[in-house]
């Protein structure tokens, strides 16, 4: 549940009764959150790689 609340925007989650979802619906929301988490991680990794490029020497 924490991942869902952390990575998905509040406007998307508004009105969703998480305590009433069946397991398939809950896992769908969890998958969306984990996808966003992975995208954010890749953006961060790319930003660090761009800020500190490897140099020969």
PDB file of N, CA and C in Angstrom:
ATOM      1  N   UNK A   1       0.821  -1.184   0.000  1.00  0.00           N
ATOM      2  CA  UNK A   1       0.000   0.000   0.000  1.00  0.00           C
ATOM      3  C   UNK A   1       0.867   1.250   0.000  1.00  0.00           C
ATOM      4  N   UNK A   2       1.970   1.208   0.736  1.00  0.00           N
ATOM      5  CA  UNK A   2       2.860   2.359   0.799  1.00  0.00           C
ATOM      6  C   UNK A   2       3.419   2.704  -0.577  1.00  0.00           C
ATOM      7  N   UNK A   3       3.790   1.686  -1.347  1.00  0.00           N
ATOM      8  CA  UNK A   3       4.300   1.941  -2.698  1.00  0.00           C
ATOM      9  C   UNK A   3       3.252   2.633  -3.559  1.00  0.00           C
ATOM     10  N   UNK A   4       2.027   2.209  -3.453  1.00  0.00           N
ATOM     11  CA  UNK A   4       0.959   2.810  -4.248  1.00  0.00           C
ATOM     12  C   UNK A   4       0.804   4.278  -3.886  1.00  0.00           C
ATOM     13  N   UNK A   5       0.764   4.576  -2.606  1.00  0.00           N
ATOM     14  CA  UNK A   5       0.579   5.948  -2.153  1.00  0.00           C
ATOM     15  C   UNK A   5       1.801   6.822  -2.449  1.00  0.00           C
ATOM     16  N   UNK A   6       2.977   6.222  -2.489  1.00  0.00           N
ATOM     17  CA  UNK A   6       4.203   6.976  -2.722  1.00  0.00           C
ATOM     18  C   UNK A   6       4.400   7.319  -4.193  1.00  0.00           C
ATOM     19  N   UNK A   7       4.138   6.395  -5.076  1.00  0.00           N
ATOM     20  CA  UNK A   7       4.521   6.578  -6.470  1.00  0.00           C
ATOM     21  C   UNK A   7       3.388   6.982  -7.415  1.00  0.00           C
ATOM     22  N   UNK A   8       2.152   6.818  -7.005  1.00  0.00           N
ATOM     23  CA  UNK A   8       1.051   7.229  -7.873  1.00  0.00           C
ATOM     24  C   UNK A   8       0.493   8.569  -7.402  1.00  0.00           C
ATOM     25  N   UNK A   9       0.105   9.425  -8.328  1.00  0.00           N
ATOM     26  CA  UNK A   9      -0.388  10.746  -7.943  1.00  0.00           C
ATOM     27  C   UNK A   9      -1.725  10.662  -7.193  1.00  0.00           C
ATOM     28  N   UNK A  10      -1.882  11.527  -6.180  1.00  0.00           N
ATOM     29  CA  UNK A  10      -3.119  11.509  -5.381  1.00  0.00           C
ATOM     30  C   UNK A  10      -4.387  11.659  -6.223  1.00  0.00           C
ATOM     31  N   UNK A  11      -4.339  12.462  -7.267  1.00  0.00           N
ATOM     32  CA  UNK A  11      -5.523  12.652  -8.104  1.00  0.00           C
ATOM     33  C   UNK A  11      -5.964  11.338  -8.752  1.00  0.00           C
ATOM     34  N   UNK A  12      -5.021  10.475  -9.066  1.00  0.00           N
ATOM     35  CA  UNK A  12      -5.334   9.180  -9.666  1.00  0.00           C
ATOM     36  C   UNK A  12      -5.986   8.246  -8.652  1.00  0.00           C
ATOM     37  N   UNK A  13      -5.590   8.393  -7.400  1.00  0.00           N
ATOM     38  CA  UNK A  13      -6.062   7.491  -6.349  1.00  0.00           C
ATOM     39  C   UNK A  13      -7.347   7.963  -5.671  1.00  0.00           C
ATOM     40  N   UNK A  14      -7.750   9.175  -5.961  1.00  0.00           N
ATOM     41  CA  UNK A  14      -8.921   9.753  -5.307  1.00  0.00           C
ATOM     42  C   UNK A  14     -10.169   8.903  -5.559  1.00  0.00           C
ATOM     43  N   UNK A  15     -10.821   8.548  -4.488  1.00  0.00           N
ATOM     44  CA  UNK A  15     -12.060   7.793  -4.591  1.00  0.00           C
ATOM     45  C   UNK A  15     -11.898   6.294  -4.746  1.00  0.00           C
ATOM     46  N   UNK A  16     -10.673   5.798  -4.750  1.00  0.00           N
ATOM     47  CA  UNK A  16     -10.440   4.355  -4.880  1.00  0.00           C
ATOM     48  C   UNK A  16     -10.547   3.722  -3.484  1.00  0.00           C
ATOM     49  N   UNK A  17     -11.486   2.835  -3.273  1.00  0.00           N
ATOM     50  CA  UNK A  17     -11.642   2.196  -1.949  1.00  0.00           C
ATOM     51  C   UNK A  17     -10.686   1.003  -1.804  1.00  0.00           C
ATOM     52  N   UNK A  18      -9.448   1.272  -1.465  1.00  0.00           N
ATOM     53  CA  UNK A  18      -8.436   0.210  -1.435  1.00  0.00           C
ATOM     54  C   UNK A  18      -8.788  -0.918  -0.474  1.00  0.00           C
ATOM     55  N   UNK A  19      -9.465  -0.601   0.603  1.00  0.00           N
ATOM     56  CA  UNK A  19      -9.820  -1.653   1.557  1.00  0.00           C
ATOM     57  C   UNK A  19     -10.890  -2.595   1.000  1.00  0.00           C
ATOM     58  N   UNK A  20     -11.519  -2.200  -0.107  1.00  0.00           N
ATOM     59  CA  UNK A  20     -12.568  -3.031  -0.704  1.00  0.00           C
ATOM     60  C   UNK A  20     -12.136  -3.720  -2.005  1.00  0.00           C
ATOM     61  N   UNK A  21     -10.921  -3.482  -2.466  1.00  0.00           N
ATOM     62  CA  UNK A  21     -10.459  -4.058  -3.729  1.00  0.00           C
ATOM     63  C   UNK A  21     -10.204  -5.551  -3.584  1.00  0.00           C
ATOM     64  N   UNK A  22     -10.474  -6.284  -4.664  1.00  0.00           N
ATOM     65  CA  UNK A  22     -10.063  -7.686  -4.630  1.00  0.00           C
ATOM     66  C   UNK A  22      -8.569  -7.754  -4.966  1.00  0.00           C
ATOM     67  N   UNK A  23      -7.993  -8.896  -4.830  1.00  0.00           N
ATOM     68  CA  UNK A  23      -6.544  -9.041  -4.959  1.00  0.00           C
ATOM     69  C   UNK A  23      -6.052  -8.660  -6.355  1.00  0.00           C
ATOM     70  N   UNK A  24      -6.805  -9.004  -7.387  1.00  0.00           N
ATOM     71  CA  UNK A  24      -6.386  -8.677  -8.750  1.00  0.00           C
ATOM     72  C   UNK A  24      -6.347  -7.169  -8.979  1.00  0.00           C
ATOM     73  N   UNK A  25      -7.351  -6.464  -8.485  1.00  0.00           N
ATOM     74  CA  UNK A  25      -7.370  -4.998  -8.617  1.00  0.00           C
ATOM     75  C   UNK A  25      -6.220  -4.375  -7.833  1.00  0.00           C
ATOM     76  N   UNK A  26      -6.011  -4.870  -6.613  1.00  0.00           N
ATOM     77  CA  UNK A  26      -4.919  -4.343  -5.797  1.00  0.00           C
ATOM     78  C   UNK A  26      -3.574  -4.566  -6.473  1.00  0.00           C
ATOM     79  N   UNK A  27      -3.360  -5.758  -7.011  1.00  0.00           N
ATOM     80  CA  UNK A  27      -2.097  -6.048  -7.687  1.00  0.00           C
ATOM     81  C   UNK A  27      -1.919  -5.193  -8.936  1.00  0.00           C
ATOM     82  N   UNK A  28      -3.008  -4.840  -9.589  1.00  0.00           N
ATOM     83  CA  UNK A  28      -2.936  -3.931 -10.731  1.00  0.00           C
ATOM     84  C   UNK A  28      -2.419  -2.563 -10.322  1.00  0.00           C
ATOM     85  N   UNK A  29      -2.943  -2.040  -9.214  1.00  0.00           N
ATOM     86  CA  UNK A  29      -2.460  -0.749  -8.711  1.00  0.00           C
ATOM     87  C   UNK A  29      -0.997  -0.850  -8.259  1.00  0.00           C
ATOM     88  N   UNK A  30      -0.646  -1.951  -7.636  1.00  0.00           N
ATOM     89  CA  UNK A  30       0.729  -2.156  -7.196  1.00  0.00           C
ATOM     90  C   UNK A  30       1.676  -2.217  -8.392  1.00  0.00           C
ATOM     91  N   UNK A  31       1.262  -2.882  -9.448  1.00  0.00           N
ATOM     92  CA  UNK A  31       2.085  -2.962 -10.657  1.00  0.00           C
ATOM     93  C   UNK A  31       2.303  -1.578 -11.261  1.00  0.00           C
ATOM     94  N   UNK A  32       1.269  -0.757 -11.285  1.00  0.00           N
ATOM     95  CA  UNK A  32       1.405   0.614 -11.791  1.00  0.00           C
ATOM     96  C   UNK A  32       2.418   1.397 -10.960  1.00  0.00           C
ATOM     97  N   UNK A  33       2.317   1.262  -9.639  1.00  0.00           N
ATOM     98  CA  UNK A  33       3.232   1.972  -8.745  1.00  0.00           C
ATOM     99  C   UNK A  33       4.668   1.507  -8.942  1.00  0.00           C
ATOM    100  N   UNK A  34       4.865   0.220  -9.078  1.00  0.00           N
ATOM    101  CA  UNK A  34       6.229  -0.302  -9.273  1.00  0.00           C
ATOM    102  C   UNK A  34       6.803   0.105 -10.627  1.00  0.00           C
ATOM    103  N   UNK A  35       5.949   0.232 -11.620  1.00  0.00           N
ATOM    104  CA  UNK A  35       6.402   0.708 -12.926  1.00  0.00           C
ATOM    105  C   UNK A  35       6.894   2.154 -12.813  1.00  0.00           C
ATOM    106  N   UNK A  36       6.135   3.000 -12.147  1.00  0.00           N
ATOM    107  CA  UNK A  36       6.538   4.397 -11.950  1.00  0.00           C
ATOM    108  C   UNK A  36       7.824   4.456 -11.126  1.00  0.00           C
ATOM    109  N   UNK A  37       7.943   3.608 -10.123  1.00  0.00           N
ATOM    110  CA  UNK A  37       9.156   3.553  -9.310  1.00  0.00           C
ATOM    111  C   UNK A  37      10.366   3.231 -10.182  1.00  0.00           C
ATOM    112  N   UNK A  38      10.225   2.277 -11.076  1.00  0.00           N
ATOM    113  CA  UNK A  38      11.325   1.902 -11.972  1.00  0.00           C
ATOM    114  C   UNK A  38      11.681   3.044 -12.924  1.00  0.00           C
ATOM    115  N   UNK A  39      10.682   3.718 -13.456  1.00  0.00           N
ATOM    116  CA  UNK A  39      10.932   4.854 -14.344  1.00  0.00           C
ATOM    117  C   UNK A  39      11.682   5.955 -13.595  1.00  0.00           C
ATOM    118  N   UNK A  40      11.259   6.271 -12.386  1.00  0.00           N
ATOM    119  CA  UNK A  40      11.943   7.295 -11.594  1.00  0.00           C
ATOM    120  C   UNK A  40      13.387   6.895 -11.308  1.00  0.00           C
ATOM    121  N   UNK A  41      13.608   5.630 -11.036  1.00  0.00           N
ATOM    122  CA  UNK A  41      14.960   5.147 -10.789  1.00  0.00           C
ATOM    123  C   UNK A  41      15.838   5.314 -12.025  1.00  0.00           C
ATOM    124  N   UNK A  42      15.309   4.983 -13.178  1.00  0.00           N
ATOM    125  CA  UNK A  42      16.083   5.131 -14.423  1.00  0.00           C
ATOM    126  C   UNK A  42      16.383   6.598 -14.720  1.00  0.00           C
ATOM    127  N   UNK A  43      15.432   7.479 -14.459  1.00  0.00           N
ATOM    128  CA  UNK A  43      15.655   8.913 -14.659  1.00  0.00           C
ATOM    129  C   UNK A  43      16.775   9.392 -13.744  1.00  0.00           C
ATOM    130  N   UNK A  44      16.746   8.964 -12.491  1.00  0.00           N
ATOM    131  CA  UNK A  44      17.791   9.340 -11.537  1.00  0.00           C
ATOM    132  C   UNK A  44      19.151   8.807 -11.973  1.00  0.00           C
ATOM    133  N   UNK A  45      19.201   7.547 -12.381  1.00  0.00           N
ATOM    134  CA  UNK A  45      20.457   6.957 -12.833  1.00  0.00           C
ATOM    135  C   UNK A  45      21.023   7.705 -14.032  1.00  0.00           C
ATOM    136  N   UNK A  46      20.156   8.054 -14.972  1.00  0.00           N
ATOM    137  CA  UNK A  46      20.605   8.769 -16.163  1.00  0.00           C
ATOM    138  C   UNK A  46      21.091  10.165 -15.801  1.00  0.00           C
ATOM    139  N   UNK A  47      20.403  10.824 -14.877  1.00  0.00           N
ATOM    140  CA  UNK A  47      20.835  12.147 -14.429  1.00  0.00           C
ATOM    141  C   UNK A  47      22.209  12.107 -13.781  1.00  0.00           C
ATOM    142  N   UNK A  48      22.456  11.110 -12.958  1.00  0.00           N
ATOM    143  CA  UNK A  48      23.762  10.959 -12.315  1.00  0.00           C
ATOM    144  C   UNK A  48      24.830  10.657 -13.353  1.00  0.00           C
ATOM    145  N   UNK A  49      24.521   9.784 -14.291  1.00  0.00           N
ATOM    146  CA  UNK A  49      25.488   9.455 -15.352  1.00  0.00           C
ATOM    147  C   UNK A  49      25.815  10.695 -16.193  1.00  0.00           C
ATOM    148  N   UNK A  50      24.824  11.525 -16.448  1.00  0.00           N
ATOM    149  CA  UNK A  50      25.063  12.746 -17.225  1.00  0.00           C
ATOM    150  C   UNK A  50      25.855  13.777 -16.428  1.00  0.00           C
ATOM    151  N   UNK A  51      25.615  13.849 -15.128  1.00  0.00           N
ATOM    152  CA  UNK A  51      26.285  14.832 -14.300  1.00  0.00           C
ATOM    153  C   UNK A  51      27.748  14.453 -14.034  1.00  0.00           C
ATOM    154  N   UNK A  52      28.021  13.169 -13.989  1.00  0.00           N
ATOM    155  CA  UNK A  52      29.372  12.685 -13.701  1.00  0.00           C
ATOM    156  C   UNK A  52      29.815  11.704 -14.774  1.00  0.00           C
ATOM    157  N   UNK A  53      30.078  12.184 -15.963  1.00  0.00           N
ATOM    158  CA  UNK A  53      30.485  11.275 -17.044  1.00  0.00           C
ATOM    159  C   UNK A  53      31.841  10.641 -16.741  1.00  0.00           C
ATOM    160  N   UNK A  54      32.007   9.431 -17.203  1.00  0.00           N
ATOM    161  CA  UNK A  54      33.291   8.750 -17.038  1.00  0.00           C
ATOM    162  C   UNK A  54      34.315   9.400 -17.944  1.00  0.00           C
ATOM    163  N   UNK A  55      35.516   9.532 -17.455  1.00  0.00           N
ATOM    164  CA  UNK A  55      36.597  10.097 -18.262  1.00  0.00           C
ATOM    165  C   UNK A  55      37.753   9.113 -18.296  1.00  0.00           C
ATOM    166  N   UNK A  56      38.475   9.135 -19.377  1.00  0.00           N
ATOM    167  CA  UNK A  56      39.664   8.298 -19.497  1.00  0.00           C
ATOM    168  C   UNK A  56      40.849   9.091 -18.994  1.00  0.00           C
ATOM    169  N   UNK A  57      41.434   8.659 -17.934  1.00  0.00           N
ATOM    170  CA  UNK A  57      42.630   9.341 -17.498  1.00  0.00           C
ATOM    171  C   UNK A  57      42.652   9.614 -16.099  1.00  0.00           C
TER     172      UNK A  57
END
